[in-house]
Amino acid sequence: MTKHNNVVPNGHFKKHWQNYVKTWFNQPARKTSEELKKAVKIFPHPTAGPLRPLVHGQTLKYNMKVRAGRGFSLEELKAAGIPKKLAPTISISVDHRQKNRSLESLQANVQRLKTYKAKLVVFPRRARKAKAGDSTPEELATATQVQGQYMPVVLEKPTVELVKITDEMKSFKAYNKLRVERTNERHVGGC
């Protein structure tokens, strides 16, 4: 017999909770089918969305890293010879607020735009009426939709220079040198 004035145990343990659980195992397959639907809908545009510029991260911590930005500046588009109204129609993102503060990034993004423009296949709005700037029928026949990231941001790997180890390097006592320098720093200005 239990002691003290406790609650009388009456656990409801036969609820068959497994019957009431909603599973989501079909989510990966659903995602794939949704991506396919989107690709068909936006054909012939790249599936990953419009082309984005290369920008440097903000603050001292991240400014050495290059990432994809919001959109190309109007100056970059002008330098690449692409009208700002045409750019969104050929899957190039535009950000009118973006300012170019360095010549290197401006040139890199202009080069990126020129490379994209060279590979671009422009479909005519009407099948029978081709306008200036549209691709040739041969190019249209071989054109395919780009799946995944197009011209992704690739970070340059730093190169390591190999050096032969000399006798001088082997005989150098790094710990002793550090201790001596630390002592010298502590005693600077002493009499």
N, C-alpha and C. Protein backbone atom coordinates (compact mmCIF):
# COMPACT_ATOMS: atom_id res chain seq x y z
N MET A 1 0.85 -1.20 0.00
CA MET A 1 0.00 0.00 0.00
C MET A 1 0.88 1.25 0.00
N THR A 2 0.52 2.22 -0.85
CA THR A 2 1.32 3.46 -0.90
C THR A 2 1.02 4.32 0.31
N LYS A 3 2.00 5.09 0.69
CA LYS A 3 1.81 5.95 1.86
C LYS A 3 1.62 7.40 1.40
N HIS A 4 1.15 8.20 2.26
CA HIS A 4 0.92 9.64 2.11
C HIS A 4 -0.28 9.93 1.20
N ASN A 5 -0.62 11.22 1.16
CA ASN A 5 -1.82 11.64 0.43
C ASN A 5 -1.45 11.95 -1.02
N ASN A 6 -1.12 10.92 -1.82
CA ASN A 6 -0.71 11.12 -3.22
C ASN A 6 -1.89 10.96 -4.17
N VAL A 7 -1.67 11.33 -5.43
CA VAL A 7 -2.69 11.15 -6.46
C VAL A 7 -2.82 9.66 -6.73
N VAL A 8 -4.04 9.20 -6.87
CA VAL A 8 -4.26 7.79 -7.18
C VAL A 8 -3.80 7.55 -8.61
N PRO A 9 -2.85 6.64 -8.88
CA PRO A 9 -2.36 6.45 -10.25
C PRO A 9 -3.44 5.88 -11.16
N ASN A 10 -3.70 6.61 -12.24
CA ASN A 10 -4.66 6.10 -13.24
C ASN A 10 -4.16 6.47 -14.64
N GLY A 11 -2.96 6.00 -15.01
CA GLY A 11 -2.36 6.33 -16.31
C GLY A 11 -3.15 5.76 -17.47
N HIS A 12 -3.37 6.58 -18.47
CA HIS A 12 -4.09 6.14 -19.67
C HIS A 12 -3.05 5.70 -20.71
N PHE A 13 -2.62 4.49 -20.64
CA PHE A 13 -1.51 4.06 -21.49
C PHE A 13 -1.93 3.22 -22.69
N LYS A 14 -3.20 3.21 -23.03
CA LYS A 14 -3.62 2.40 -24.18
C LYS A 14 -4.30 3.28 -25.23
N LYS A 15 -3.56 4.33 -25.67
CA LYS A 15 -4.16 5.28 -26.60
C LYS A 15 -3.80 4.99 -28.05
N HIS A 16 -2.90 4.05 -28.30
CA HIS A 16 -2.43 3.75 -29.66
C HIS A 16 -1.99 5.02 -30.39
N TRP A 17 -1.00 5.71 -29.79
CA TRP A 17 -0.56 6.99 -30.35
C TRP A 17 0.03 6.85 -31.75
N GLN A 18 0.52 5.64 -32.11
CA GLN A 18 1.12 5.44 -33.43
C GLN A 18 0.12 5.71 -34.56
N ASN A 19 -1.18 5.49 -34.27
CA ASN A 19 -2.19 5.72 -35.30
C ASN A 19 -2.43 7.20 -35.58
N TYR A 20 -2.02 8.07 -34.64
CA TYR A 20 -2.32 9.49 -34.78
C TYR A 20 -1.10 10.33 -35.15
N VAL A 21 0.02 9.69 -35.46
CA VAL A 21 1.24 10.42 -35.81
C VAL A 21 1.26 10.71 -37.30
N LYS A 22 1.55 11.98 -37.65
CA LYS A 22 1.66 12.36 -39.07
C LYS A 22 3.12 12.26 -39.46
N THR A 23 3.43 11.42 -40.41
CA THR A 23 4.82 11.28 -40.87
C THR A 23 5.05 12.14 -42.11
N TRP A 24 6.30 12.36 -42.41
CA TRP A 24 6.68 13.29 -43.49
C TRP A 24 7.79 12.66 -44.33
N PHE A 25 7.73 11.32 -44.48
CA PHE A 25 8.79 10.61 -45.19
C PHE A 25 8.77 10.88 -46.69
N ASN A 26 7.64 11.40 -47.19
CA ASN A 26 7.56 11.67 -48.63
C ASN A 26 8.12 13.05 -48.99
N GLN A 27 8.66 13.76 -47.99
CA GLN A 27 9.14 15.13 -48.24
C GLN A 27 10.28 15.22 -49.27
N PRO A 28 11.32 14.37 -49.21
CA PRO A 28 12.40 14.50 -50.20
C PRO A 28 11.90 14.28 -51.63
N ALA A 29 11.04 13.27 -51.83
CA ALA A 29 10.50 13.00 -53.17
C ALA A 29 9.61 14.14 -53.62
N ARG A 30 8.86 14.72 -52.67
CA ARG A 30 7.99 15.84 -52.98
C ARG A 30 8.79 17.06 -53.42
N LYS A 31 9.90 17.27 -52.73
CA LYS A 31 10.78 18.41 -53.06
C LYS A 31 11.29 18.27 -54.48
N THR A 32 11.73 17.06 -54.85
CA THR A 32 12.23 16.80 -56.20
C THR A 32 11.17 17.09 -57.25
N SER A 33 9.94 16.63 -56.99
CA SER A 33 8.87 16.84 -57.97
C SER A 33 8.51 18.33 -58.08
N GLU A 34 8.58 19.05 -56.94
CA GLU A 34 8.30 20.49 -56.95
C GLU A 34 9.37 21.23 -57.76
N GLU A 35 10.64 20.80 -57.60
CA GLU A 35 11.74 21.42 -58.36
C GLU A 35 11.55 21.20 -59.85
N LEU A 36 11.11 19.98 -60.22
CA LEU A 36 10.87 19.69 -61.63
C LEU A 36 9.74 20.55 -62.19
N LYS A 37 8.68 20.72 -61.40
CA LYS A 37 7.56 21.56 -61.83
C LYS A 37 8.02 23.00 -62.05
N LYS A 38 8.85 23.49 -61.10
CA LYS A 38 9.36 24.86 -61.19
C LYS A 38 10.24 25.03 -62.43
N ALA A 39 11.08 24.01 -62.71
CA ALA A 39 11.98 24.05 -63.86
C ALA A 39 11.18 24.15 -65.16
N VAL A 40 10.09 23.40 -65.25
CA VAL A 40 9.23 23.43 -66.44
C VAL A 40 8.57 24.80 -66.57
N LYS A 41 8.15 25.34 -65.43
CA LYS A 41 7.44 26.62 -65.43
C LYS A 41 8.33 27.77 -65.87
N ILE A 42 9.60 27.78 -65.40
CA ILE A 42 10.48 28.91 -65.72
C ILE A 42 11.38 28.66 -66.93
N PHE A 43 11.17 27.54 -67.64
CA PHE A 43 11.98 27.26 -68.83
C PHE A 43 11.95 28.45 -69.77
N PRO A 44 13.05 28.88 -70.39
CA PRO A 44 14.42 28.33 -70.41
C PRO A 44 15.37 28.93 -69.38
N HIS A 45 14.84 29.64 -68.37
CA HIS A 45 15.71 30.25 -67.36
C HIS A 45 16.40 29.17 -66.51
N PRO A 46 17.61 29.47 -65.96
CA PRO A 46 18.30 28.50 -65.09
C PRO A 46 17.44 28.17 -63.86
N THR A 47 17.50 26.92 -63.41
CA THR A 47 16.63 26.48 -62.31
C THR A 47 17.02 27.12 -60.98
N ALA A 48 18.29 27.48 -60.81
CA ALA A 48 18.75 28.03 -59.53
C ALA A 48 18.45 29.51 -59.38
N GLY A 49 17.80 30.11 -60.38
CA GLY A 49 17.49 31.53 -60.30
C GLY A 49 18.47 32.37 -61.10
N PRO A 50 18.32 33.70 -61.02
CA PRO A 50 19.15 34.58 -61.85
C PRO A 50 20.62 34.60 -61.45
N LEU A 51 21.45 35.09 -62.37
CA LEU A 51 22.89 35.22 -62.12
C LEU A 51 23.12 36.29 -61.08
N ARG A 52 24.00 36.02 -60.14
CA ARG A 52 24.28 36.98 -59.06
C ARG A 52 25.75 37.41 -59.09
N PRO A 53 26.03 38.63 -58.61
CA PRO A 53 27.41 39.13 -58.66
C PRO A 53 28.27 38.55 -57.55
N LEU A 54 29.58 38.75 -57.67
CA LEU A 54 30.51 38.36 -56.61
C LEU A 54 30.74 39.57 -55.72
N VAL A 55 30.50 39.43 -54.42
CA VAL A 55 30.73 40.53 -53.48
C VAL A 55 31.53 40.02 -52.29
N HIS A 56 32.19 40.96 -51.61
CA HIS A 56 32.94 40.62 -50.41
C HIS A 56 32.05 40.80 -49.20
N GLY A 57 32.20 39.90 -48.21
CA GLY A 57 31.41 39.99 -46.99
C GLY A 57 31.72 41.26 -46.23
N GLN A 58 30.79 41.67 -45.36
CA GLN A 58 31.01 42.88 -44.57
C GLN A 58 31.83 42.57 -43.33
N THR A 59 32.37 43.59 -42.73
CA THR A 59 33.16 43.59 -41.49
C THR A 59 34.51 42.90 -41.65
N LEU A 60 35.38 43.21 -40.70
CA LEU A 60 36.75 42.72 -40.74
C LEU A 60 36.83 41.20 -40.72
N LYS A 61 35.84 40.56 -40.08
CA LYS A 61 35.86 39.10 -39.93
C LYS A 61 35.63 38.40 -41.27
N TYR A 62 34.75 38.95 -42.13
CA TYR A 62 34.35 38.24 -43.34
C TYR A 62 34.76 38.91 -44.65
N ASN A 63 35.46 40.06 -44.59
CA ASN A 63 35.68 40.78 -45.84
C ASN A 63 36.70 40.13 -46.78
N MET A 64 37.38 39.09 -46.31
CA MET A 64 38.30 38.39 -47.22
C MET A 64 37.56 37.30 -48.01
N LYS A 65 36.31 37.02 -47.60
CA LYS A 65 35.54 35.96 -48.25
C LYS A 65 34.66 36.54 -49.35
N VAL A 66 34.58 35.82 -50.46
CA VAL A 66 33.74 36.24 -51.57
C VAL A 66 32.47 35.41 -51.54
N ARG A 67 31.31 36.08 -51.74
CA ARG A 67 30.03 35.38 -51.75
C ARG A 67 29.16 35.95 -52.86
N ALA A 68 28.02 35.33 -53.08
CA ALA A 68 27.08 35.81 -54.09
C ALA A 68 26.30 36.98 -53.51
N GLY A 69 26.19 38.05 -54.29
CA GLY A 69 25.48 39.26 -53.84
C GLY A 69 24.02 39.25 -54.26
N ARG A 70 23.34 40.39 -54.00
CA ARG A 70 21.92 40.51 -54.33
C ARG A 70 21.71 40.72 -55.82
N GLY A 71 22.45 41.68 -56.37
CA GLY A 71 22.27 41.97 -57.79
C GLY A 71 23.41 42.83 -58.32
N PHE A 72 23.55 42.87 -59.63
CA PHE A 72 24.61 43.66 -60.26
C PHE A 72 24.25 45.14 -60.19
N SER A 73 25.28 45.99 -60.03
CA SER A 73 25.05 47.43 -60.00
C SER A 73 24.79 47.93 -61.42
N LEU A 74 24.19 49.11 -61.52
CA LEU A 74 23.89 49.70 -62.83
C LEU A 74 25.18 50.01 -63.59
N GLU A 75 26.23 50.36 -62.82
CA GLU A 75 27.54 50.66 -63.42
C GLU A 75 28.13 49.40 -64.08
N GLU A 76 28.00 48.27 -63.40
CA GLU A 76 28.51 47.00 -63.94
C GLU A 76 27.76 46.61 -65.21
N LEU A 77 26.44 46.77 -65.18
CA LEU A 77 25.64 46.45 -66.36
C LEU A 77 26.01 47.34 -67.54
N LYS A 78 26.24 48.62 -67.25
CA LYS A 78 26.60 49.58 -68.31
C LYS A 78 27.95 49.21 -68.93
N ALA A 79 28.90 48.84 -68.07
CA ALA A 79 30.24 48.47 -68.55
C ALA A 79 30.20 47.20 -69.39
N ALA A 80 29.27 46.29 -69.06
CA ALA A 80 29.14 45.04 -69.82
C ALA A 80 28.28 45.22 -71.07
N GLY A 81 27.64 46.39 -71.21
CA GLY A 81 26.82 46.66 -72.39
C GLY A 81 25.46 45.98 -72.35
N ILE A 82 24.87 45.86 -71.14
CA ILE A 82 23.55 45.23 -70.99
C ILE A 82 22.58 46.29 -70.45
N PRO A 83 21.50 46.60 -71.16
CA PRO A 83 20.52 47.57 -70.64
C PRO A 83 19.86 47.08 -69.36
N LYS A 84 19.62 48.00 -68.42
CA LYS A 84 19.10 47.61 -67.10
C LYS A 84 17.69 47.01 -67.17
N LYS A 85 16.91 47.39 -68.18
CA LYS A 85 15.56 46.83 -68.33
C LYS A 85 15.61 45.42 -68.94
N LEU A 86 16.64 45.16 -69.76
CA LEU A 86 16.78 43.85 -70.40
C LEU A 86 17.30 42.79 -69.41
N ALA A 87 18.17 43.23 -68.49
CA ALA A 87 18.86 42.29 -67.59
C ALA A 87 17.94 41.31 -66.86
N PRO A 88 16.85 41.75 -66.21
CA PRO A 88 16.00 40.77 -65.51
C PRO A 88 15.32 39.77 -66.45
N THR A 89 15.10 40.17 -67.70
CA THR A 89 14.43 39.27 -68.64
C THR A 89 15.35 38.14 -69.11
N ILE A 90 16.68 38.33 -68.97
CA ILE A 90 17.63 37.28 -69.37
C ILE A 90 18.32 36.69 -68.14
N SER A 91 17.60 36.66 -67.02
CA SER A 91 18.07 36.03 -65.77
C SER A 91 19.35 36.64 -65.22
N ILE A 92 19.38 37.96 -65.15
CA ILE A 92 20.48 38.66 -64.47
C ILE A 92 19.85 39.51 -63.39
N SER A 93 20.24 39.30 -62.13
CA SER A 93 19.65 40.07 -61.04
C SER A 93 20.27 41.47 -61.01
N VAL A 94 19.44 42.47 -60.73
CA VAL A 94 19.87 43.87 -60.72
C VAL A 94 19.56 44.47 -59.36
N ASP A 95 20.54 45.23 -58.81
CA ASP A 95 20.34 45.94 -57.56
C ASP A 95 20.75 47.39 -57.77
N HIS A 96 19.76 48.28 -57.90
CA HIS A 96 20.07 49.67 -58.23
C HIS A 96 20.76 50.41 -57.08
N ARG A 97 20.71 49.84 -55.85
CA ARG A 97 21.35 50.49 -54.70
C ARG A 97 22.83 50.14 -54.57
N GLN A 98 23.24 49.08 -55.25
CA GLN A 98 24.62 48.58 -55.14
C GLN A 98 25.60 49.63 -55.68
N LYS A 99 26.67 49.90 -54.91
CA LYS A 99 27.71 50.85 -55.35
C LYS A 99 29.02 50.09 -55.52
N ASN A 100 29.79 50.49 -56.51
CA ASN A 100 31.10 49.87 -56.73
C ASN A 100 32.16 50.71 -56.04
N ARG A 101 32.76 50.12 -55.01
CA ARG A 101 33.76 50.86 -54.25
C ARG A 101 35.18 50.45 -54.60
N SER A 102 35.33 49.41 -55.39
CA SER A 102 36.68 49.03 -55.82
C SER A 102 36.67 48.64 -57.28
N LEU A 103 37.75 48.96 -57.95
CA LEU A 103 37.87 48.70 -59.38
C LEU A 103 37.96 47.20 -59.65
N GLU A 104 38.64 46.45 -58.74
CA GLU A 104 38.83 45.01 -58.94
C GLU A 104 37.49 44.28 -58.99
N SER A 105 36.60 44.57 -58.02
CA SER A 105 35.31 43.87 -57.98
C SER A 105 34.44 44.28 -59.16
N LEU A 106 34.55 45.54 -59.58
CA LEU A 106 33.81 46.01 -60.76
C LEU A 106 34.23 45.22 -62.00
N GLN A 107 35.56 45.11 -62.19
CA GLN A 107 36.07 44.38 -63.36
C GLN A 107 35.72 42.90 -63.31
N ALA A 108 35.77 42.31 -62.11
CA ALA A 108 35.44 40.89 -61.95
C ALA A 108 33.98 40.64 -62.33
N ASN A 109 33.08 41.52 -61.88
CA ASN A 109 31.66 41.33 -62.17
C ASN A 109 31.32 41.63 -63.63
N VAL A 110 32.02 42.61 -64.23
CA VAL A 110 31.82 42.89 -65.66
C VAL A 110 32.25 41.69 -66.48
N GLN A 111 33.38 41.07 -66.08
CA GLN A 111 33.86 39.87 -66.78
C GLN A 111 32.88 38.73 -66.63
N ARG A 112 32.29 38.61 -65.43
CA ARG A 112 31.28 37.58 -65.15
C ARG A 112 30.06 37.76 -66.06
N LEU A 113 29.64 39.02 -66.22
CA LEU A 113 28.50 39.32 -67.10
C LEU A 113 28.82 39.01 -68.56
N LYS A 114 30.04 39.35 -68.97
CA LYS A 114 30.42 39.11 -70.38
C LYS A 114 30.50 37.62 -70.68
N THR A 115 31.02 36.84 -69.72
CA THR A 115 31.08 35.38 -69.89
C THR A 115 29.68 34.80 -70.01
N TYR A 116 28.79 35.28 -69.14
CA TYR A 116 27.39 34.82 -69.15
C TYR A 116 26.73 35.18 -70.48
N LYS A 117 26.96 36.40 -70.94
CA LYS A 117 26.33 36.88 -72.18
C LYS A 117 26.81 36.07 -73.39
N ALA A 118 28.10 35.67 -73.35
CA ALA A 118 28.66 34.90 -74.46
C ALA A 118 28.03 33.51 -74.55
N LYS A 119 27.69 32.93 -73.40
CA LYS A 119 27.11 31.58 -73.37
C LYS A 119 25.58 31.58 -73.48
N LEU A 120 24.99 32.77 -73.42
CA LEU A 120 23.54 32.90 -73.35
C LEU A 120 22.86 32.54 -74.66
N VAL A 121 21.75 31.81 -74.56
CA VAL A 121 20.90 31.50 -75.71
C VAL A 121 19.56 32.19 -75.47
N VAL A 122 19.23 33.19 -76.32
CA VAL A 122 18.00 33.96 -76.14
C VAL A 122 16.93 33.43 -77.09
N PHE A 123 15.82 32.96 -76.52
CA PHE A 123 14.70 32.46 -77.31
C PHE A 123 13.85 33.65 -77.79
N PRO A 124 13.38 33.61 -79.04
CA PRO A 124 12.51 34.70 -79.50
C PRO A 124 11.15 34.62 -78.81
N ARG A 125 10.48 35.78 -78.66
CA ARG A 125 9.16 35.80 -78.00
C ARG A 125 8.14 35.05 -78.84
N ARG A 126 8.22 35.25 -80.15
CA ARG A 126 7.36 34.51 -81.07
C ARG A 126 8.22 33.59 -81.90
N ALA A 127 7.78 32.38 -82.12
CA ALA A 127 8.59 31.36 -82.81
C ALA A 127 8.95 31.78 -84.24
N ARG A 128 8.03 32.46 -84.93
CA ARG A 128 8.29 32.78 -86.34
C ARG A 128 9.02 34.10 -86.53
N LYS A 129 8.88 35.03 -85.57
CA LYS A 129 9.49 36.36 -85.71
C LYS A 129 10.71 36.47 -84.80
N ALA A 130 11.89 36.38 -85.38
CA ALA A 130 13.12 36.53 -84.62
C ALA A 130 13.57 38.00 -84.68
N LYS A 131 13.97 38.54 -83.53
CA LYS A 131 14.43 39.93 -83.47
C LYS A 131 15.95 39.96 -83.35
N ALA A 132 16.50 41.16 -83.42
CA ALA A 132 17.94 41.33 -83.23
C ALA A 132 18.28 40.97 -81.79
N GLY A 133 19.34 40.21 -81.58
CA GLY A 133 19.72 39.77 -80.23
C GLY A 133 19.27 38.36 -79.91
N ASP A 134 18.31 37.84 -80.68
CA ASP A 134 17.87 36.46 -80.47
C ASP A 134 18.89 35.48 -81.05
N SER A 135 18.92 34.27 -80.51
CA SER A 135 19.88 33.27 -80.98
C SER A 135 19.43 32.66 -82.30
N THR A 136 20.38 32.03 -82.99
CA THR A 136 20.10 31.40 -84.27
C THR A 136 19.29 30.11 -84.07
N PRO A 137 18.57 29.64 -85.09
CA PRO A 137 17.80 28.39 -84.95
C PRO A 137 18.66 27.18 -84.57
N GLU A 138 19.93 27.13 -85.05
CA GLU A 138 20.83 26.01 -84.70
C GLU A 138 21.12 26.01 -83.19
N GLU A 139 21.38 27.22 -82.63
CA GLU A 139 21.65 27.33 -81.20
C GLU A 139 20.41 26.95 -80.38
N LEU A 140 19.25 27.38 -80.87
CA LEU A 140 18.00 27.07 -80.17
C LEU A 140 17.73 25.57 -80.12
N ALA A 141 18.09 24.87 -81.20
CA ALA A 141 17.86 23.43 -81.27
C ALA A 141 18.71 22.66 -80.26
N THR A 142 19.93 23.17 -79.99
CA THR A 142 20.84 22.47 -79.07
C THR A 142 20.77 23.01 -77.64
N ALA A 143 19.94 24.02 -77.39
CA ALA A 143 19.89 24.66 -76.06
C ALA A 143 19.26 23.72 -75.03
N THR A 144 19.84 23.74 -73.83
CA THR A 144 19.29 22.97 -72.71
C THR A 144 19.19 23.90 -71.50
N GLN A 145 18.28 23.57 -70.59
CA GLN A 145 18.10 24.36 -69.38
C GLN A 145 19.18 23.99 -68.37
N VAL A 146 19.78 25.01 -67.76
CA VAL A 146 20.84 24.77 -66.77
C VAL A 146 20.22 24.30 -65.47
N GLN A 147 20.65 23.11 -65.00
CA GLN A 147 20.16 22.56 -63.74
C GLN A 147 21.16 22.92 -62.64
N GLY A 148 20.67 23.38 -61.50
CA GLY A 148 21.54 23.71 -60.36
C GLY A 148 22.21 25.06 -60.55
N GLN A 149 23.25 25.29 -59.72
CA GLN A 149 23.94 26.58 -59.72
C GLN A 149 24.65 26.83 -61.04
N TYR A 150 24.50 28.06 -61.55
CA TYR A 150 25.17 28.45 -62.80
C TYR A 150 26.26 29.45 -62.45
N MET A 151 27.47 29.21 -62.89
CA MET A 151 28.64 30.03 -62.57
C MET A 151 28.74 30.25 -61.05
N PRO A 152 28.88 29.16 -60.25
CA PRO A 152 28.90 29.30 -58.79
C PRO A 152 30.14 30.04 -58.30
N VAL A 153 30.07 30.55 -57.08
CA VAL A 153 31.20 31.25 -56.47
C VAL A 153 32.25 30.22 -56.08
N VAL A 154 33.44 30.33 -56.65
CA VAL A 154 34.53 29.39 -56.36
C VAL A 154 35.64 30.14 -55.66
N LEU A 155 36.00 29.68 -54.47
CA LEU A 155 37.08 30.33 -53.72
C LEU A 155 38.43 29.78 -54.16
N GLU A 156 39.39 30.69 -54.32
CA GLU A 156 40.74 30.27 -54.73
C GLU A 156 41.45 29.65 -53.53
N LYS A 157 42.05 28.49 -53.75
CA LYS A 157 42.79 27.84 -52.67
C LYS A 157 44.21 28.42 -52.61
N PRO A 158 44.67 28.78 -51.41
CA PRO A 158 46.03 29.33 -51.31
C PRO A 158 47.08 28.27 -51.62
N THR A 159 48.12 28.67 -52.33
CA THR A 159 49.18 27.73 -52.70
C THR A 159 50.23 27.68 -51.59
N VAL A 160 50.75 26.51 -51.33
CA VAL A 160 51.77 26.32 -50.30
C VAL A 160 53.10 26.08 -50.98
N GLU A 161 54.10 26.86 -50.55
CA GLU A 161 55.44 26.72 -51.13
C GLU A 161 56.28 25.79 -50.26
N LEU A 162 56.82 24.74 -50.86
CA LEU A 162 57.63 23.78 -50.10
C LEU A 162 59.09 24.23 -50.08
N VAL A 163 59.72 24.08 -48.92
CA VAL A 163 61.10 24.53 -48.74
C VAL A 163 61.93 23.40 -48.14
N LYS A 164 63.18 23.28 -48.56
CA LYS A 164 64.09 22.28 -47.97
C LYS A 164 64.51 22.74 -46.58
N ILE A 165 64.54 21.81 -45.63
CA ILE A 165 64.93 22.15 -44.25
C ILE A 165 66.45 22.17 -44.16
N THR A 166 66.99 23.31 -43.73
CA THR A 166 68.45 23.47 -43.63
C THR A 166 68.91 23.12 -42.21
N ASP A 167 70.24 23.00 -42.05
CA ASP A 167 70.83 22.72 -40.73
C ASP A 167 70.57 23.88 -39.77
N GLU A 168 70.56 25.11 -40.33
CA GLU A 168 70.31 26.30 -39.51
C GLU A 168 68.89 26.24 -38.90
N MET A 169 67.91 25.79 -39.72
CA MET A 169 66.53 25.66 -39.24
C MET A 169 66.44 24.61 -38.15
N LYS A 170 67.15 23.49 -38.33
CA LYS A 170 67.12 22.39 -37.36
C LYS A 170 67.74 22.81 -36.03
N SER A 171 68.82 23.60 -36.08
CA SER A 171 69.52 23.99 -34.86
C SER A 171 68.84 25.15 -34.12
N PHE A 172 67.89 25.82 -34.77
CA PHE A 172 67.20 26.97 -34.17
C PHE A 172 66.27 26.52 -33.04
N LYS A 173 66.46 27.14 -31.87
CA LYS A 173 65.63 26.79 -30.70
C LYS A 173 64.54 27.86 -30.54
N ALA A 174 63.37 27.54 -31.05
CA ALA A 174 62.27 28.50 -31.10
C ALA A 174 61.77 28.88 -29.71
N TYR A 175 61.63 27.90 -28.83
CA TYR A 175 61.09 28.17 -27.49
C TYR A 175 62.01 29.11 -26.72
N ASN A 176 63.33 28.82 -26.79
CA ASN A 176 64.30 29.67 -26.10
C ASN A 176 64.25 31.10 -26.63
N LYS A 177 64.15 31.23 -27.93
CA LYS A 177 64.10 32.55 -28.58
C LYS A 177 62.87 33.33 -28.10
N LEU A 178 61.72 32.64 -28.03
CA LEU A 178 60.49 33.28 -27.56
C LEU A 178 60.63 33.77 -26.12
N ARG A 179 61.22 32.92 -25.27
CA ARG A 179 61.41 33.29 -23.86
C ARG A 179 62.30 34.53 -23.73
N VAL A 180 63.38 34.54 -24.52
CA VAL A 180 64.33 35.67 -24.47
C VAL A 180 63.64 36.96 -24.92
N GLU A 181 62.90 36.88 -26.00
CA GLU A 181 62.22 38.07 -26.53
C GLU A 181 61.15 38.58 -25.56
N ARG A 182 60.44 37.64 -24.90
CA ARG A 182 59.43 38.03 -23.92
C ARG A 182 60.09 38.76 -22.74
N THR A 183 61.23 38.26 -22.32
CA THR A 183 61.98 38.90 -21.22
C THR A 183 62.45 40.28 -21.64
N ASN A 184 62.99 40.38 -22.86
CA ASN A 184 63.46 41.69 -23.37
C ASN A 184 62.33 42.70 -23.42
N GLU A 185 61.14 42.24 -23.85
CA GLU A 185 59.99 43.14 -23.93
C GLU A 185 59.58 43.65 -22.54
N ARG A 186 59.67 42.72 -21.58
CA ARG A 186 59.29 43.08 -20.20
C ARG A 186 60.26 44.08 -19.58
N HIS A 187 61.53 43.99 -19.99
CA HIS A 187 62.56 44.84 -19.40
C HIS A 187 62.86 46.10 -20.19
N VAL A 188 62.05 46.37 -21.23
CA VAL A 188 62.29 47.57 -22.03
C VAL A 188 62.09 48.81 -21.16
N GLY A 189 63.03 49.77 -21.26
CA GLY A 189 62.90 51.01 -20.49
C GLY A 189 63.50 50.90 -19.10
N GLY A 190 64.02 49.73 -18.75
CA GLY A 190 64.63 49.56 -17.42
C GLY A 190 66.03 50.18 -17.41
N CYS A 191 66.58 50.39 -16.17
CA CYS A 191 67.91 50.98 -16.13
C CYS A 191 69.02 49.96 -16.16
